[in-house]
Amino acid sequence: MIARITDMHEKEVINICDGTRLGFVDDIEVDTCTAQIVALVICGRSKLFGLFGHDQDIVINWKDIEVVGEETILVNFACASEQCRHGRKGPQILGGLFR
């Protein structure tokens, strides 16, 4: 399958380790010396409509990509940071004071 970089924006990235939907591809890192794709970048989610900034971007190395499909990209991405588990955890009130 041949795909353009603009086609990657329409693909949803899913982590096969835990089934987490990480988001859509926002950017691609390219090594200009070798002309190879190094990583996919998924921009962090905005906090309160963008008023409080964004979460950190998720950078997925090209070697962690398992399958590039028609609509999705499956990755094997082991991530210990909280941003990668945003779908699992409910909202925190007052910094997690009430759990």
PDB file of N, CA and C in Angstrom:
ATOM      1  N   MET A   1       0.836  -1.175   0.000  1.00  0.00           N
ATOM      2  CA  MET A   1       0.000   0.000   0.000  1.00  0.00           C
ATOM      3  C   MET A   1       0.884   1.243   0.000  1.00  0.00           C
ATOM      4  N   ILE A   2       0.585   2.158  -0.853  1.00  0.00           N
ATOM      5  CA  ILE A   2       1.292   3.430  -0.913  1.00  0.00           C
ATOM      6  C   ILE A   2       0.363   4.496  -0.346  1.00  0.00           C
ATOM      7  N   ALA A   3       0.897   5.314   0.566  1.00  0.00           N
ATOM      8  CA  ALA A   3       0.090   6.354   1.202  1.00  0.00           C
ATOM      9  C   ALA A   3       0.861   7.662   1.208  1.00  0.00           C
ATOM     10  N   ARG A   4       0.141   8.748   1.099  1.00  0.00           N
ATOM     11  CA  ARG A   4       0.735  10.076   1.193  1.00  0.00           C
ATOM     12  C   ARG A   4       0.686  10.534   2.644  1.00  0.00           C
ATOM     13  N   ILE A   5       1.518  11.504   2.952  1.00  0.00           N
ATOM     14  CA  ILE A   5       1.531  12.026   4.320  1.00  0.00           C
ATOM     15  C   ILE A   5       0.172  12.619   4.670  1.00  0.00           C
ATOM     16  N   THR A   6      -0.477  13.250   3.718  1.00  0.00           N
ATOM     17  CA  THR A   6      -1.794  13.832   3.996  1.00  0.00           C
ATOM     18  C   THR A   6      -2.828  12.752   4.303  1.00  0.00           C
ATOM     19  N   ASP A   7      -2.641  11.547   3.766  1.00  0.00           N
ATOM     20  CA  ASP A   7      -3.553  10.440   4.065  1.00  0.00           C
ATOM     21  C   ASP A   7      -3.414   9.969   5.509  1.00  0.00           C
ATOM     22  N   MET A   8      -2.246  10.177   6.095  1.00  0.00           N
ATOM     23  CA  MET A   8      -2.005   9.733   7.469  1.00  0.00           C
ATOM     24  C   MET A   8      -2.854  10.512   8.473  1.00  0.00           C
ATOM     25  N   HIS A   9      -3.224  11.753   8.164  1.00  0.00           N
ATOM     26  CA  HIS A   9      -4.036  12.568   9.072  1.00  0.00           C
ATOM     27  C   HIS A   9      -5.412  11.966   9.314  1.00  0.00           C
ATOM     28  N   GLU A  10      -5.886  11.173   8.380  1.00  0.00           N
ATOM     29  CA  GLU A  10      -7.219  10.586   8.484  1.00  0.00           C
ATOM     30  C   GLU A  10      -7.216   9.247   9.217  1.00  0.00           C
ATOM     31  N   LYS A  11      -6.052   8.761   9.582  1.00  0.00           N
ATOM     32  CA  LYS A  11      -5.958   7.441  10.213  1.00  0.00           C
ATOM     33  C   LYS A  11      -5.904   7.570  11.735  1.00  0.00           C
ATOM     34  N   GLU A  12      -6.690   6.742  12.404  1.00  0.00           N
ATOM     35  CA  GLU A  12      -6.705   6.718  13.860  1.00  0.00           C
ATOM     36  C   GLU A  12      -5.649   5.733  14.354  1.00  0.00           C
ATOM     37  N   VAL A  13      -4.932   6.122  15.411  1.00  0.00           N
ATOM     38  CA  VAL A  13      -3.867   5.290  15.956  1.00  0.00           C
ATOM     39  C   VAL A  13      -4.392   4.549  17.178  1.00  0.00           C
ATOM     40  N   ILE A  14      -4.243   3.226  17.172  1.00  0.00           N
ATOM     41  CA  ILE A  14      -4.730   2.378  18.262  1.00  0.00           C
ATOM     42  C   ILE A  14      -3.564   1.561  18.801  1.00  0.00           C
ATOM     43  N   ASN A  15      -3.431   1.542  20.120  1.00  0.00           N
ATOM     44  CA  ASN A  15      -2.379   0.787  20.784  1.00  0.00           C
ATOM     45  C   ASN A  15      -2.854  -0.647  20.987  1.00  0.00           C
ATOM     46  N   ILE A  16      -2.123  -1.612  20.431  1.00  0.00           N
ATOM     47  CA  ILE A  16      -2.558  -3.005  20.550  1.00  0.00           C
ATOM     48  C   ILE A  16      -2.232  -3.591  21.920  1.00  0.00           C
ATOM     49  N   CYS A  17      -1.416  -2.910  22.719  1.00  0.00           N
ATOM     50  CA  CYS A  17      -1.100  -3.416  24.068  1.00  0.00           C
ATOM     51  C   CYS A  17      -2.332  -3.436  24.958  1.00  0.00           C
ATOM     52  N   ASP A  18      -3.124  -2.366  24.889  1.00  0.00           N
ATOM     53  CA  ASP A  18      -4.297  -2.281  25.761  1.00  0.00           C
ATOM     54  C   ASP A  18      -5.560  -1.827  25.035  1.00  0.00           C
ATOM     55  N   GLY A  19      -5.494  -1.650  23.722  1.00  0.00           N
ATOM     56  CA  GLY A  19      -6.662  -1.253  22.952  1.00  0.00           C
ATOM     57  C   GLY A  19      -7.002   0.220  23.049  1.00  0.00           C
ATOM     58  N   THR A  20      -6.108   1.021  23.580  1.00  0.00           N
ATOM     59  CA  THR A  20      -6.358   2.447  23.752  1.00  0.00           C
ATOM     60  C   THR A  20      -6.344   3.166  22.415  1.00  0.00           C
ATOM     61  N   ARG A  21      -7.323   4.043  22.227  1.00  0.00           N
ATOM     62  CA  ARG A  21      -7.342   4.909  21.058  1.00  0.00           C
ATOM     63  C   ARG A  21      -6.487   6.123  21.383  1.00  0.00           C
ATOM     64  N   LEU A  22      -5.351   6.261  20.736  1.00  0.00           N
ATOM     65  CA  LEU A  22      -4.416   7.342  21.047  1.00  0.00           C
ATOM     66  C   LEU A  22      -4.782   8.642  20.345  1.00  0.00           C
ATOM     67  N   GLY A  23      -5.470   8.574  19.243  1.00  0.00           N
ATOM     68  CA  GLY A  23      -5.853   9.774  18.507  1.00  0.00           C
ATOM     69  C   GLY A  23      -5.514   9.630  17.038  1.00  0.00           C
ATOM     70  N   PHE A  24      -5.462  10.758  16.355  1.00  0.00           N
ATOM     71  CA  PHE A  24      -5.158  10.784  14.930  1.00  0.00           C
ATOM     72  C   PHE A  24      -3.768  11.357  14.712  1.00  0.00           C
ATOM     73  N   VAL A  25      -3.126  10.953  13.637  1.00  0.00           N
ATOM     74  CA  VAL A  25      -1.789  11.429  13.312  1.00  0.00           C
ATOM     75  C   VAL A  25      -1.868  12.919  12.999  1.00  0.00           C
ATOM     76  N   ASP A  26      -1.059  13.719  13.692  1.00  0.00           N
ATOM     77  CA  ASP A  26      -1.017  15.153  13.446  1.00  0.00           C
ATOM     78  C   ASP A  26       0.240  15.577  12.696  1.00  0.00           C
ATOM     79  N   ASP A  27       1.326  14.859  12.910  1.00  0.00           N
ATOM     80  CA  ASP A  27       2.590  15.239  12.292  1.00  0.00           C
ATOM     81  C   ASP A  27       3.464  14.005  12.122  1.00  0.00           C
ATOM     82  N   ILE A  28       4.498  14.148  11.333  1.00  0.00           N
ATOM     83  CA  ILE A  28       5.435  13.064  11.085  1.00  0.00           C
ATOM     84  C   ILE A  28       6.846  13.622  11.211  1.00  0.00           C
ATOM     85  N   GLU A  29       7.719  12.882  11.897  1.00  0.00           N
ATOM     86  CA  GLU A  29       9.123  13.270  11.987  1.00  0.00           C
ATOM     87  C   GLU A  29       9.900  12.535  10.898  1.00  0.00           C
ATOM     88  N   VAL A  30      10.718  13.279  10.170  1.00  0.00           N
ATOM     89  CA  VAL A  30      11.485  12.715   9.064  1.00  0.00           C
ATOM     90  C   VAL A  30      12.962  13.008   9.291  1.00  0.00           C
ATOM     91  N   ASP A  31      13.805  12.000   9.078  1.00  0.00           N
ATOM     92  CA  ASP A  31      15.250  12.183   9.107  1.00  0.00           C
ATOM     93  C   ASP A  31      15.653  12.723   7.736  1.00  0.00           C
ATOM     94  N   THR A  32      16.098  13.973   7.693  1.00  0.00           N
ATOM     95  CA  THR A  32      16.403  14.598   6.411  1.00  0.00           C
ATOM     96  C   THR A  32      17.671  14.041   5.771  1.00  0.00           C
ATOM     97  N   CYS A  33      18.542  13.423   6.549  1.00  0.00           N
ATOM     98  CA  CYS A  33      19.769  12.844   5.979  1.00  0.00           C
ATOM     99  C   CYS A  33      19.483  11.561   5.206  1.00  0.00           C
ATOM    100  N   THR A  34      18.598  10.731   5.741  1.00  0.00           N
ATOM    101  CA  THR A  34      18.300   9.447   5.107  1.00  0.00           C
ATOM    102  C   THR A  34      16.955   9.438   4.385  1.00  0.00           C
ATOM    103  N   ALA A  35      16.175  10.504   4.536  1.00  0.00           N
ATOM    104  CA  ALA A  35      14.842  10.622   3.925  1.00  0.00           C
ATOM    105  C   ALA A  35      13.916   9.498   4.375  1.00  0.00           C
ATOM    106  N   GLN A  36      14.000   9.121   5.655  1.00  0.00           N
ATOM    107  CA  GLN A  36      13.138   8.083   6.211  1.00  0.00           C
ATOM    108  C   GLN A  36      12.253   8.665   7.301  1.00  0.00           C
ATOM    109  N   ILE A  37      11.058   8.097   7.423  1.00  0.00           N
ATOM    110  CA  ILE A  37      10.155   8.505   8.502  1.00  0.00           C
ATOM    111  C   ILE A  37      10.673   7.923   9.804  1.00  0.00           C
ATOM    112  N   VAL A  38      10.801   8.772  10.816  1.00  0.00           N
ATOM    113  CA  VAL A  38      11.337   8.348  12.108  1.00  0.00           C
ATOM    114  C   VAL A  38      10.217   8.076  13.107  1.00  0.00           C
ATOM    115  N   ALA A  39       9.184   8.919  13.109  1.00  0.00           N
ATOM    116  CA  ALA A  39       8.131   8.778  14.120  1.00  0.00           C
ATOM    117  C   ALA A  39       6.844   9.453  13.661  1.00  0.00           C
ATOM    118  N   LEU A  40       5.741   9.015  14.277  1.00  0.00           N
ATOM    119  CA  LEU A  40       4.449   9.677  14.132  1.00  0.00           C
ATOM    120  C   LEU A  40       4.200  10.505  15.381  1.00  0.00           C
ATOM    121  N   VAL A  41       3.569  11.652  15.213  1.00  0.00           N
ATOM    122  CA  VAL A  41       3.277  12.527  16.344  1.00  0.00           C
ATOM    123  C   VAL A  41       1.770  12.709  16.442  1.00  0.00           C
ATOM    124  N   ILE A  42       1.250  12.475  17.653  1.00  0.00           N
ATOM    125  CA  ILE A  42      -0.156  12.703  17.951  1.00  0.00           C
ATOM    126  C   ILE A  42      -0.203  13.831  18.973  1.00  0.00           C
ATOM    127  N   CYS A  43      -0.842  14.931  18.605  1.00  0.00           N
ATOM    128  CA  CYS A  43      -0.904  16.082  19.517  1.00  0.00           C
ATOM    129  C   CYS A  43      -1.720  15.733  20.750  1.00  0.00           C
ATOM    130  N   GLY A  44      -1.307  16.260  21.891  1.00  0.00           N
ATOM    131  CA  GLY A  44      -2.015  16.022  23.142  1.00  0.00           C
ATOM    132  C   GLY A  44      -3.393  16.648  23.143  1.00  0.00           C
ATOM    133  N   ARG A  45      -4.271  16.083  23.921  1.00  0.00           N
ATOM    134  CA  ARG A  45      -5.633  16.609  24.024  1.00  0.00           C
ATOM    135  C   ARG A  45      -5.634  17.972  24.683  1.00  0.00           C
ATOM    136  N   SER A  46      -6.556  18.822  24.244  1.00  0.00           N
ATOM    137  CA  SER A  46      -6.652  20.150  24.841  1.00  0.00           C
ATOM    138  C   SER A  46      -7.362  20.059  26.189  1.00  0.00           C
ATOM    139  N   LYS A  47      -6.972  20.930  27.080  1.00  0.00           N
ATOM    140  CA  LYS A  47      -7.566  20.975  28.410  1.00  0.00           C
ATOM    141  C   LYS A  47      -8.560  22.128  28.465  1.00  0.00           C
ATOM    142  N   LEU A  48      -9.791  21.827  28.762  1.00  0.00           N
ATOM    143  CA  LEU A  48     -10.867  22.807  28.883  1.00  0.00           C
ATOM    144  C   LEU A  48     -10.899  23.728  27.677  1.00  0.00           C
ATOM    145  N   PHE A  49     -11.186  23.146  26.529  1.00  0.00           N
ATOM    146  CA  PHE A  49     -11.320  23.862  25.262  1.00  0.00           C
ATOM    147  C   PHE A  49     -10.054  24.620  24.879  1.00  0.00           C
ATOM    148  N   GLY A  50      -8.904  24.171  25.329  1.00  0.00           N
ATOM    149  CA  GLY A  50      -7.639  24.801  24.983  1.00  0.00           C
ATOM    150  C   GLY A  50      -7.251  25.971  25.866  1.00  0.00           C
ATOM    151  N   LEU A  51      -8.099  26.322  26.830  1.00  0.00           N
ATOM    152  CA  LEU A  51      -7.792  27.457  27.706  1.00  0.00           C
ATOM    153  C   LEU A  51      -6.623  27.163  28.636  1.00  0.00           C
ATOM    154  N   PHE A  52      -6.455  25.904  29.014  1.00  0.00           N
ATOM    155  CA  PHE A  52      -5.369  25.516  29.910  1.00  0.00           C
ATOM    156  C   PHE A  52      -4.274  24.748  29.186  1.00  0.00           C
ATOM    157  N   GLY A  53      -4.136  24.991  27.889  1.00  0.00           N
ATOM    158  CA  GLY A  53      -3.086  24.342  27.118  1.00  0.00           C
ATOM    159  C   GLY A  53      -3.480  22.944  26.660  1.00  0.00           C
ATOM    160  N   HIS A  54      -2.459  22.136  26.425  1.00  0.00           N
ATOM    161  CA  HIS A  54      -2.652  20.778  25.917  1.00  0.00           C
ATOM    162  C   HIS A  54      -1.804  19.808  26.716  1.00  0.00           C
ATOM    163  N   ASP A  55      -2.199  18.533  26.665  1.00  0.00           N
ATOM    164  CA  ASP A  55      -1.355  17.476  27.210  1.00  0.00           C
ATOM    165  C   ASP A  55      -0.123  17.351  26.326  1.00  0.00           C
ATOM    166  N   GLN A  56       0.851  16.600  26.789  1.00  0.00           N
ATOM    167  CA  GLN A  56       2.057  16.390  25.988  1.00  0.00           C
ATOM    168  C   GLN A  56       1.730  15.592  24.738  1.00  0.00           C
ATOM    169  N   ASP A  57       2.493  15.869  23.684  1.00  0.00           N
ATOM    170  CA  ASP A  57       2.335  15.118  22.446  1.00  0.00           C
ATOM    171  C   ASP A  57       2.807  13.687  22.648  1.00  0.00           C
ATOM    172  N   ILE A  58       2.201  12.765  21.909  1.00  0.00           N
ATOM    173  CA  ILE A  58       2.615  11.366  21.930  1.00  0.00           C
ATOM    174  C   ILE A  58       3.452  11.135  20.684  1.00  0.00           C
ATOM    175  N   VAL A  59       4.684  10.706  20.866  1.00  0.00           N
ATOM    176  CA  VAL A  59       5.586  10.440  19.756  1.00  0.00           C
ATOM    177  C   VAL A  59       5.803   8.928  19.682  1.00  0.00           C
ATOM    178  N   ILE A  60       5.452   8.350  18.551  1.00  0.00           N
ATOM    179  CA  ILE A  60       5.542   6.906  18.364  1.00  0.00           C
ATOM    180  C   ILE A  60       6.623   6.617  17.336  1.00  0.00           C
ATOM    181  N   ASN A  61       7.651   5.906  17.740  1.00  0.00           N
ATOM    182  CA  ASN A  61       8.732   5.556  16.829  1.00  0.00           C
ATOM    183  C   ASN A  61       8.219   4.651  15.713  1.00  0.00           C
ATOM    184  N   TRP A  62       8.832   4.786  14.555  1.00  0.00           N
ATOM    185  CA  TRP A  62       8.398   4.006  13.388  1.00  0.00           C
ATOM    186  C   TRP A  62       8.527   2.509  13.643  1.00  0.00           C
ATOM    187  N   LYS A  63       9.509   2.099  14.442  1.00  0.00           N
ATOM    188  CA  LYS A  63       9.698   0.669  14.713  1.00  0.00           C
ATOM    189  C   LYS A  63       8.571   0.100  15.572  1.00  0.00           C
ATOM    190  N   ASP A  64       7.795   0.951  16.243  1.00  0.00           N
ATOM    191  CA  ASP A  64       6.688   0.501  17.077  1.00  0.00           C
ATOM    192  C   ASP A  64       5.388   0.330  16.298  1.00  0.00           C
ATOM    193  N   ILE A  65       5.384   0.670  15.039  1.00  0.00           N
ATOM    194  CA  ILE A  65       4.188   0.537  14.204  1.00  0.00           C
ATOM    195  C   ILE A  65       4.088  -0.894  13.709  1.00  0.00           C
ATOM    196  N   GLU A  66       2.947  -1.516  13.964  1.00  0.00           N
ATOM    197  CA  GLU A  66       2.729  -2.911  13.552  1.00  0.00           C
ATOM    198  C   GLU A  66       2.052  -2.989  12.188  1.00  0.00           C
ATOM    199  N   VAL A  67       0.940  -2.251  12.010  1.00  0.00           N
ATOM    200  CA  VAL A  67       0.161  -2.329  10.776  1.00  0.00           C
ATOM    201  C   VAL A  67      -0.353  -0.940  10.422  1.00  0.00           C
ATOM    202  N   VAL A  68      -0.218  -0.581   9.151  1.00  0.00           N
ATOM    203  CA  VAL A  68      -0.847   0.639   8.639  1.00  0.00           C
ATOM    204  C   VAL A  68      -1.986   0.180   7.743  1.00  0.00           C
ATOM    205  N   GLY A  69      -3.211   0.385   8.224  1.00  0.00           N
ATOM    206  CA  GLY A  69      -4.379  -0.059   7.475  1.00  0.00           C
ATOM    207  C   GLY A  69      -5.046   1.073   6.730  1.00  0.00           C
ATOM    208  N   GLU A  70      -6.210   0.788   6.168  1.00  0.00           N
ATOM    209  CA  GLU A  70      -6.957   1.792   5.410  1.00  0.00           C
ATOM    210  C   GLU A  70      -7.450   2.928   6.300  1.00  0.00           C
ATOM    211  N   GLU A  71      -7.936   2.601   7.508  1.00  0.00           N
ATOM    212  CA  GLU A  71      -8.501   3.610   8.398  1.00  0.00           C
ATOM    213  C   GLU A  71      -7.753   3.751   9.720  1.00  0.00           C
ATOM    214  N   THR A  72      -6.963   2.752  10.083  1.00  0.00           N
ATOM    215  CA  THR A  72      -6.288   2.780  11.379  1.00  0.00           C
ATOM    216  C   THR A  72      -4.818   2.407  11.248  1.00  0.00           C
ATOM    217  N   ILE A  73      -4.070   2.804  12.271  1.00  0.00           N
ATOM    218  CA  ILE A  73      -2.677   2.408  12.402  1.00  0.00           C
ATOM    219  C   ILE A  73      -2.562   1.704  13.746  1.00  0.00           C
ATOM    220  N   LEU A  74      -2.118   0.452  13.730  1.00  0.00           N
ATOM    221  CA  LEU A  74      -1.948  -0.300  14.966  1.00  0.00           C
ATOM    222  C   LEU A  74      -0.500  -0.192  15.412  1.00  0.00           C
ATOM    223  N   VAL A  75      -0.321   0.196  16.684  1.00  0.00           N
ATOM    224  CA  VAL A  75       1.029   0.363  17.211  1.00  0.00           C
ATOM    225  C   VAL A  75       1.200  -0.485  18.460  1.00  0.00           C
ATOM    226  N   ASN A  76       2.417  -0.867  18.727  1.00  0.00           N
ATOM    227  CA  ASN A  76       2.771  -1.584  19.948  1.00  0.00           C
ATOM    228  C   ASN A  76       3.553  -0.592  20.788  1.00  0.00           C
ATOM    229  N   PHE A  77       2.823   0.182  21.593  1.00  0.00           N
ATOM    230  CA  PHE A  77       3.377   1.341  22.274  1.00  0.00           C
ATOM    231  C   PHE A  77       3.198   1.187  23.768  1.00  0.00           C
ATOM    232  N   ALA A  78       4.262   0.837  24.468  1.00  0.00           N
ATOM    233  CA  ALA A  78       4.219   0.709  25.923  1.00  0.00           C
ATOM    234  C   ALA A  78       4.530   2.076  26.516  1.00  0.00           C
ATOM    235  N   CYS A  79       3.552   2.631  27.222  1.00  0.00           N
ATOM    236  CA  CYS A  79       3.713   3.979  27.754  1.00  0.00           C
ATOM    237  C   CYS A  79       3.267   3.996  29.204  1.00  0.00           C
ATOM    238  N   ALA A  80       4.120   4.502  30.068  1.00  0.00           N
ATOM    239  CA  ALA A  80       3.798   4.548  31.491  1.00  0.00           C
ATOM    240  C   ALA A  80       3.236   5.894  31.909  1.00  0.00           C
ATOM    241  N   SER A  81       3.284   6.885  31.027  1.00  0.00           N
ATOM    242  CA  SER A  81       2.801   8.213  31.424  1.00  0.00           C
ATOM    243  C   SER A  81       1.282   8.246  31.458  1.00  0.00           C
ATOM    244  N   GLU A  82       0.745   9.185  32.185  1.00  0.00           N
ATOM    245  CA  GLU A  82      -0.701   9.294  32.383  1.00  0.00           C
ATOM    246  C   GLU A  82      -1.425   9.663  31.096  1.00  0.00           C
ATOM    247  N   GLN A  83      -0.781  10.417  30.208  1.00  0.00           N
ATOM    248  CA  GLN A  83      -1.447  10.866  28.998  1.00  0.00           C
ATOM    249  C   GLN A  83      -1.841   9.707  28.103  1.00  0.00           C
ATOM    250  N   CYS A  84      -1.105   8.618  28.133  1.00  0.00           N
ATOM    251  CA  CYS A  84      -1.409   7.496  27.261  1.00  0.00           C
ATOM    252  C   CYS A  84      -2.563   6.671  27.792  1.00  0.00           C
ATOM    253  N   ARG A  85      -2.939   6.904  29.026  1.00  0.00           N
ATOM    254  CA  ARG A  85      -4.060   6.174  29.607  1.00  0.00           C
ATOM    255  C   ARG A  85      -5.253   7.087  29.806  1.00  0.00           C
ATOM    256  N   HIS A  86      -5.345   8.159  29.007  1.00  0.00           N
ATOM    257  CA  HIS A  86      -6.409   9.128  29.208  1.00  0.00           C
ATOM    258  C   HIS A  86      -7.795   8.523  29.052  1.00  0.00           C
ATOM    259  N   GLY A  87      -7.920   7.454  28.301  1.00  0.00           N
ATOM    260  CA  GLY A  87      -9.222   6.845  28.128  1.00  0.00           C
ATOM    261  C   GLY A  87      -9.650   5.983  29.302  1.00  0.00           C
ATOM    262  N   ARG A  88      -8.737   5.582  30.165  1.00  0.00           N
ATOM    263  CA  ARG A  88      -9.037   4.665  31.257  1.00  0.00           C
ATOM    264  C   ARG A  88      -9.445   5.368  32.536  1.00  0.00           C
ATOM    265  N   LYS A  89      -8.984   6.580  32.730  1.00  0.00           N
ATOM    266  CA  LYS A  89      -9.161   7.223  34.012  1.00  0.00           C
ATOM    267  C   LYS A  89     -10.249   8.272  33.936  1.00  0.00           C
ATOM    268  N   GLY A  90     -11.080   8.328  34.924  1.00  0.00           N
ATOM    269  CA  GLY A  90     -12.134   9.321  34.971  1.00  0.00           C
ATOM    270  C   GLY A  90     -11.582  10.679  35.331  1.00  0.00           C
ATOM    271  N   PRO A  91     -12.431  11.686  35.326  1.00  0.00           N
ATOM    272  CA  PRO A  91     -11.969  13.025  35.648  1.00  0.00           C
ATOM    273  C   PRO A  91     -11.540  13.134  37.102  1.00  0.00           C
ATOM    274  N   GLN A  92     -10.527  13.931  37.323  1.00  0.00           N
ATOM    275  CA  GLN A  92     -10.062  14.151  38.678  1.00  0.00           C
ATOM    276  C   GLN A  92     -10.591  15.497  39.167  1.00  0.00           C
ATOM    277  N   ILE A  93     -11.124  15.500  40.345  1.00  0.00           N
ATOM    278  CA  ILE A  93     -11.630  16.723  40.936  1.00  0.00           C
ATOM    279  C   ILE A  93     -10.644  17.179  41.980  1.00  0.00           C
ATOM    280  N   LEU A  94     -10.221  18.436  41.885  1.00  0.00           N
ATOM    281  CA  LEU A  94      -9.257  19.008  42.814  1.00  0.00           C
ATOM    282  C   LEU A  94      -7.988  18.175  42.912  1.00  0.00           C
ATOM    283  N   GLY A  95      -7.443  17.844  41.756  1.00  0.00           N
ATOM    284  CA  GLY A  95      -6.181  17.118  41.713  1.00  0.00           C
ATOM    285  C   GLY A  95      -6.269  15.693  42.218  1.00  0.00           C
ATOM    286  N   GLY A  96      -7.424  15.081  42.184  1.00  0.00           N
ATOM    287  CA  GLY A  96      -7.567  13.706  42.602  1.00  0.00           C
ATOM    288  C   GLY A  96      -7.839  13.558  44.092  1.00  0.00           C
ATOM    289  N   LEU A  97      -8.245  14.652  44.739  1.00  0.00           N
ATOM    290  CA  LEU A  97      -8.524  14.605  46.167  1.00  0.00           C
ATOM    291  C   LEU A  97      -9.689  13.663  46.448  1.00  0.00           C
ATOM    292  N   PHE A  98     -10.709  13.707  45.579  1.00  0.00           N
ATOM    293  CA  PHE A  98     -11.875  12.818  45.726  1.00  0.00           C
ATOM    294  C   PHE A  98     -11.772  11.706  44.715  1.00  0.00           C
ATOM    295  N   ARG A  99     -11.495  10.505  45.133  1.00  0.00           N
ATOM    296  CA  ARG A  99     -11.376   9.370  44.208  1.00  0.00           C
ATOM    297  C   ARG A  99     -12.436   8.363  44.473  1.00  0.00           C
TER     298      ARG A  99
END
